C-alpha atoms as a PDB file:
ATOM      1  CA  MET A   1      15.876  -2.234 -10.062  1.00  0.00           C
ATOM      2  CA  LEU A   2      12.519  -2.346 -11.784  1.00  0.00           C
ATOM      3  CA  GLY A   3      12.050   1.361 -11.062  1.00  0.00           C
ATOM      4  CA  VAL A   4      15.392   2.225 -12.674  1.00  0.00           C
ATOM      5  CA  CYS A   5      14.480   0.234 -15.787  1.00  0.00           C
ATOM      6  CA  ALA A   6      11.134   2.008 -16.019  1.00  0.00           C
ATOM      7  CA  VAL A   7      12.799   5.432 -15.756  1.00  0.00           C
ATOM      8  CA  LEU A   8      15.366   4.534 -18.431  1.00  0.00           C
ATOM      9  CA  ALA A   9      12.672   3.191 -20.757  1.00  0.00           C
ATOM     10  CA  PHE A  10      10.626   6.373 -20.315  1.00  0.00           C
ATOM     11  CA  ALA A  11      13.628   8.654 -20.909  1.00  0.00           C
ATOM     12  CA  THR A  12      14.607   6.715 -24.047  1.00  0.00           C
ATOM     13  CA  ALA A  13      11.064   6.872 -25.415  1.00  0.00           C
ATOM     14  CA  CYS A  14      10.875  10.630 -24.835  1.00  0.00           C
ATOM     15  CA  THR A  15      14.131  11.388 -26.620  1.00  0.00           C
ATOM     16  CA  ALA A  16      14.085   8.763 -29.365  1.00  0.00           C
ATOM     17  CA  GLY A  17      12.266  10.935 -31.885  1.00  0.00           C
ATOM     18  CA  GLY A  18      14.439  13.973 -31.240  1.00  0.00           C
ATOM     19  CA  PRO A  19      13.430  17.508 -32.236  1.00  0.00           C
ATOM     20  CA  ARG A  20      12.491  16.482 -35.775  1.00  0.00           C
ATOM     21  CA  SER A  21      10.086  13.741 -34.705  1.00  0.00           C
ATOM     22  CA  ARG A  22       6.615  13.596 -36.185  1.00  0.00           C
ATOM     23  CA  LEU A  23       4.189  16.045 -34.590  1.00  0.00           C
ATOM     24  CA  SER A  24       1.130  14.633 -32.890  1.00  0.00           C
ATOM     25  CA  PRO A  25      -2.292  15.577 -34.265  1.00  0.00           C
ATOM     26  CA  GLY A  26      -3.316  19.102 -33.311  1.00  0.00           C
ATOM     27  CA  VAL A  27       0.265  20.280 -32.737  1.00  0.00           C
ATOM     28  CA  ARG A  28       1.411  22.921 -35.212  1.00  0.00           C
ATOM     29  CA  ASP A  29       4.906  23.169 -36.671  1.00  0.00           C
ATOM     30  CA  GLN A  30       6.373  26.424 -35.365  1.00  0.00           C
ATOM     31  CA  TYR A  31       8.436  26.781 -38.546  1.00  0.00           C
ATOM     32  CA  ARG A  32       5.658  26.311 -41.116  1.00  0.00           C
ATOM     33  CA  LEU A  33       2.242  27.768 -41.929  1.00  0.00           C
ATOM     34  CA  GLN A  34      -0.055  25.451 -43.865  1.00  0.00           C
ATOM     35  CA  ALA A  35      -3.071  26.260 -46.049  1.00  0.00           C
ATOM     36  CA  ASP A  36      -5.659  25.902 -43.273  1.00  0.00           C
ATOM     37  CA  GLU A  37      -3.771  28.339 -41.046  1.00  0.00           C
ATOM     38  CA  LEU A  38      -3.258  30.756 -43.925  1.00  0.00           C
ATOM     39  CA  ALA A  39      -7.008  30.808 -44.535  1.00  0.00           C
ATOM     40  CA  SER A  40      -7.868  31.247 -40.848  1.00  0.00           C
ATOM     41  CA  LEU A  41      -8.095  35.060 -41.001  1.00  0.00           C
ATOM     42  CA  GLY A  42     -10.272  35.158 -44.094  1.00  0.00           C
ATOM     43  CA  SER A  43      -9.695  35.693 -47.798  1.00  0.00           C
ATOM     44  CA  ASN A  44      -8.750  39.380 -47.498  1.00  0.00           C
ATOM     45  CA  ALA A  45      -5.887  38.937 -45.038  1.00  0.00           C
ATOM     46  CA  SER A  46      -2.316  39.613 -46.040  1.00  0.00           C
ATOM     47  CA  LEU A  47       0.421  37.129 -45.293  1.00  0.00           C
ATOM     48  CA  TYR A  48       1.832  39.709 -42.860  1.00  0.00           C
ATOM     49  CA  GLU A  49      -1.420  39.659 -40.848  1.00  0.00           C
ATOM     50  CA  VAL A  50      -1.416  35.865 -40.667  1.00  0.00           C
ATOM     51  CA  VAL A  51       2.244  35.664 -39.624  1.00  0.00           C
ATOM     52  CA  LEU A  52       1.752  38.452 -37.072  1.00  0.00           C
ATOM     53  CA  ARG A  53      -1.185  36.619 -35.534  1.00  0.00           C
ATOM     54  CA  LEU A  54       0.060  33.017 -35.669  1.00  0.00           C
ATOM     55  CA  ARG A  55       3.894  33.145 -35.813  1.00  0.00           C
ATOM     56  CA  HIS A  56       4.829  36.662 -34.649  1.00  0.00           C
ATOM     57  CA  ARG A  57       8.366  35.593 -33.699  1.00  0.00           C
ATOM     58  CA  TRP A  58       9.165  35.140 -37.393  1.00  0.00           C
ATOM     59  CA  LEU A  59       8.986  38.921 -37.770  1.00  0.00           C
ATOM     60  CA  GLU A  60      11.426  39.765 -35.000  1.00  0.00           C
ATOM     61  CA  PRO A  61      15.129  40.334 -35.660  1.00  0.00           C
ATOM     62  CA  LEU A  62      17.231  38.038 -33.489  1.00  0.00           C
ATOM     63  CA  SER A  63      19.364  40.863 -32.109  1.00  0.00           C
ATOM     64  CA  THR A  64      17.579  42.287 -29.062  1.00  0.00           C
ATOM     65  CA  ASP A  65      19.786  45.393 -28.914  1.00  0.00           C
ATOM     66  CA  ALA A  66      18.437  48.009 -31.333  1.00  0.00           C
ATOM     67  CA  MET A  67      21.821  49.787 -31.327  1.00  0.00           C
ATOM     68  CA  LEU A  68      23.550  46.693 -32.726  1.00  0.00           C
ATOM     69  CA  ARG A  69      21.001  45.913 -35.454  1.00  0.00           C
ATOM     70  CA  THR A  70      21.881  46.547 -39.062  1.00  0.00           C
ATOM     71  CA  ALA A  71      19.906  46.223 -42.283  1.00  0.00           C
ATOM     72  CA  THR A  72      21.130  42.649 -42.609  1.00  0.00           C
ATOM     73  CA  ASP A  73      19.507  41.774 -39.278  1.00  0.00           C
ATOM     74  CA  GLN A  74      16.070  41.981 -40.850  1.00  0.00           C
ATOM     75  CA  VAL A  75      14.254  38.778 -41.711  1.00  0.00           C
ATOM     76  CA  GLY A  76      14.394  38.243 -45.484  1.00  0.00           C
ATOM     77  CA  VAL A  77      11.342  37.252 -47.523  1.00  0.00           C
ATOM     78  CA  TYR A  78      11.802  34.940 -50.493  1.00  0.00           C
ATOM     79  CA  VAL A  79       9.296  33.644 -53.001  1.00  0.00           C
ATOM     80  CA  GLY A  80      11.019  30.612 -54.447  1.00  0.00           C
ATOM     81  CA  SER A  81      14.609  31.684 -55.038  1.00  0.00           C
ATOM     82  CA  ARG A  82      13.758  35.386 -55.465  1.00  0.00           C
ATOM     83  CA  LEU A  83      14.408  37.832 -52.619  1.00  0.00           C
ATOM     84  CA  LEU A  84      11.519  40.276 -52.251  1.00  0.00           C
ATOM     85  CA  GLY A  85      12.975  42.225 -49.341  1.00  0.00           C
ATOM     86  CA  GLY A  86      12.130  42.425 -45.648  1.00  0.00           C
ATOM     87  CA  VAL A  87       9.054  41.485 -43.683  1.00  0.00           C
ATOM     88  CA  ASP A  88       7.105  44.518 -44.920  1.00  0.00           C
ATOM     89  CA  GLU A  89       6.835  42.733 -48.285  1.00  0.00           C
ATOM     90  CA  LEU A  90       4.484  40.249 -46.603  1.00  0.00           C
ATOM     91  CA  ARG A  91       1.884  43.046 -46.456  1.00  0.00           C
ATOM     92  CA  TYR A  92       1.567  42.888 -50.254  1.00  0.00           C
ATOM     93  CA  ILE A  93       1.065  39.128 -50.508  1.00  0.00           C
ATOM     94  CA  PRO A  94      -2.547  37.937 -50.153  1.00  0.00           C
ATOM     95  CA  ALA A  95      -2.594  34.933 -47.805  1.00  0.00           C
ATOM     96  CA  ALA A  96      -5.199  33.346 -50.092  1.00  0.00           C
ATOM     97  CA  ASN A  97      -2.532  33.078 -52.831  1.00  0.00           C
ATOM     98  CA  VAL A  98      -0.029  31.241 -50.609  1.00  0.00           C
ATOM     99  CA  SER A  99       0.130  27.458 -50.315  1.00  0.00           C
ATOM    100  CA  SER A 100       2.624  27.534 -47.409  1.00  0.00           C
ATOM    101  CA  ALA A 101       5.164  29.703 -45.654  1.00  0.00           C
ATOM    102  CA  ARG A 102       8.209  28.453 -43.822  1.00  0.00           C
ATOM    103  CA  PHE A 103      10.633  30.140 -41.444  1.00  0.00           C
ATOM    104  CA  ILE A 104      14.258  29.200 -42.056  1.00  0.00           C
ATOM    105  CA  GLU A 105      16.676  29.807 -39.202  1.00  0.00           C
ATOM    106  CA  PRO A 106      19.800  31.929 -39.838  1.00  0.00           C
ATOM    107  CA  HIS A 107      22.338  29.094 -40.140  1.00  0.00           C
ATOM    108  CA  GLU A 108      20.211  27.249 -42.711  1.00  0.00           C
ATOM    109  CA  ALA A 109      19.313  30.502 -44.503  1.00  0.00           C
ATOM    110  CA  ALA A 110      23.008  31.337 -44.900  1.00  0.00           C
ATOM    111  CA  ALA A 111      23.674  27.882 -46.335  1.00  0.00           C
ATOM    112  CA  LEU A 112      20.789  28.180 -48.812  1.00  0.00           C
ATOM    113  CA  TYR A 113      20.923  31.872 -49.757  1.00  0.00           C
ATOM    114  CA  GLY A 114      24.374  33.067 -48.703  1.00  0.00           C
ATOM    115  CA  PRO A 115      25.508  35.471 -45.973  1.00  0.00           C
ATOM    116  CA  GLY A 116      23.403  38.393 -44.802  1.00  0.00           C
ATOM    117  CA  HIS A 117      20.520  36.490 -43.230  1.00  0.00           C
ATOM    118  CA  ALA A 118      21.336  37.042 -39.555  1.00  0.00           C
ATOM    119  CA  SER A 119      17.663  36.859 -38.550  1.00  0.00           C
ATOM    120  CA  GLY A 120      16.570  34.120 -40.919  1.00  0.00           C
ATOM    121  CA  VAL A 121      14.291  33.916 -43.941  1.00  0.00           C
ATOM    122  CA  ILE A 122      10.596  33.464 -44.558  1.00  0.00           C
ATOM    123  CA  LEU A 123      10.192  31.281 -47.644  1.00  0.00           C
ATOM    124  CA  VAL A 124       6.818  31.709 -49.340  1.00  0.00           C
ATOM    125  CA  GLU A 125       5.366  29.097 -51.672  1.00  0.00           C
ATOM    126  CA  MET A 126       2.627  30.471 -53.916  1.00  0.00           C
ATOM    127  CA  LYS A 127      -0.355  28.469 -55.183  1.00  0.00           C
END
């Protein structure tokens, strides 16, 4: 009986925080790039270079079949509420000028920015 209680207590402790629980020190949020990460490649790096190196999955359309992809399958890049375009726009943004970047999944992107974000959005916050 004691063993069953221990297993239940362990399982409850592991799931209590859920997916949005606080990250432990040293663990990076897979959906956000902070200032220290943005500066990690040096002052001349573009935001594209940083994302490619540290969060490369943000750049990939969700559809794995190239024949089924359309222009709307591309990840959108926003600065504030302004759409810049696709991920190539990140090449023109110096990482040194960015305070944070966040990947927004497709369902949340559609709720925030409307339809046409089948692969999500990268939201850039400038300094």
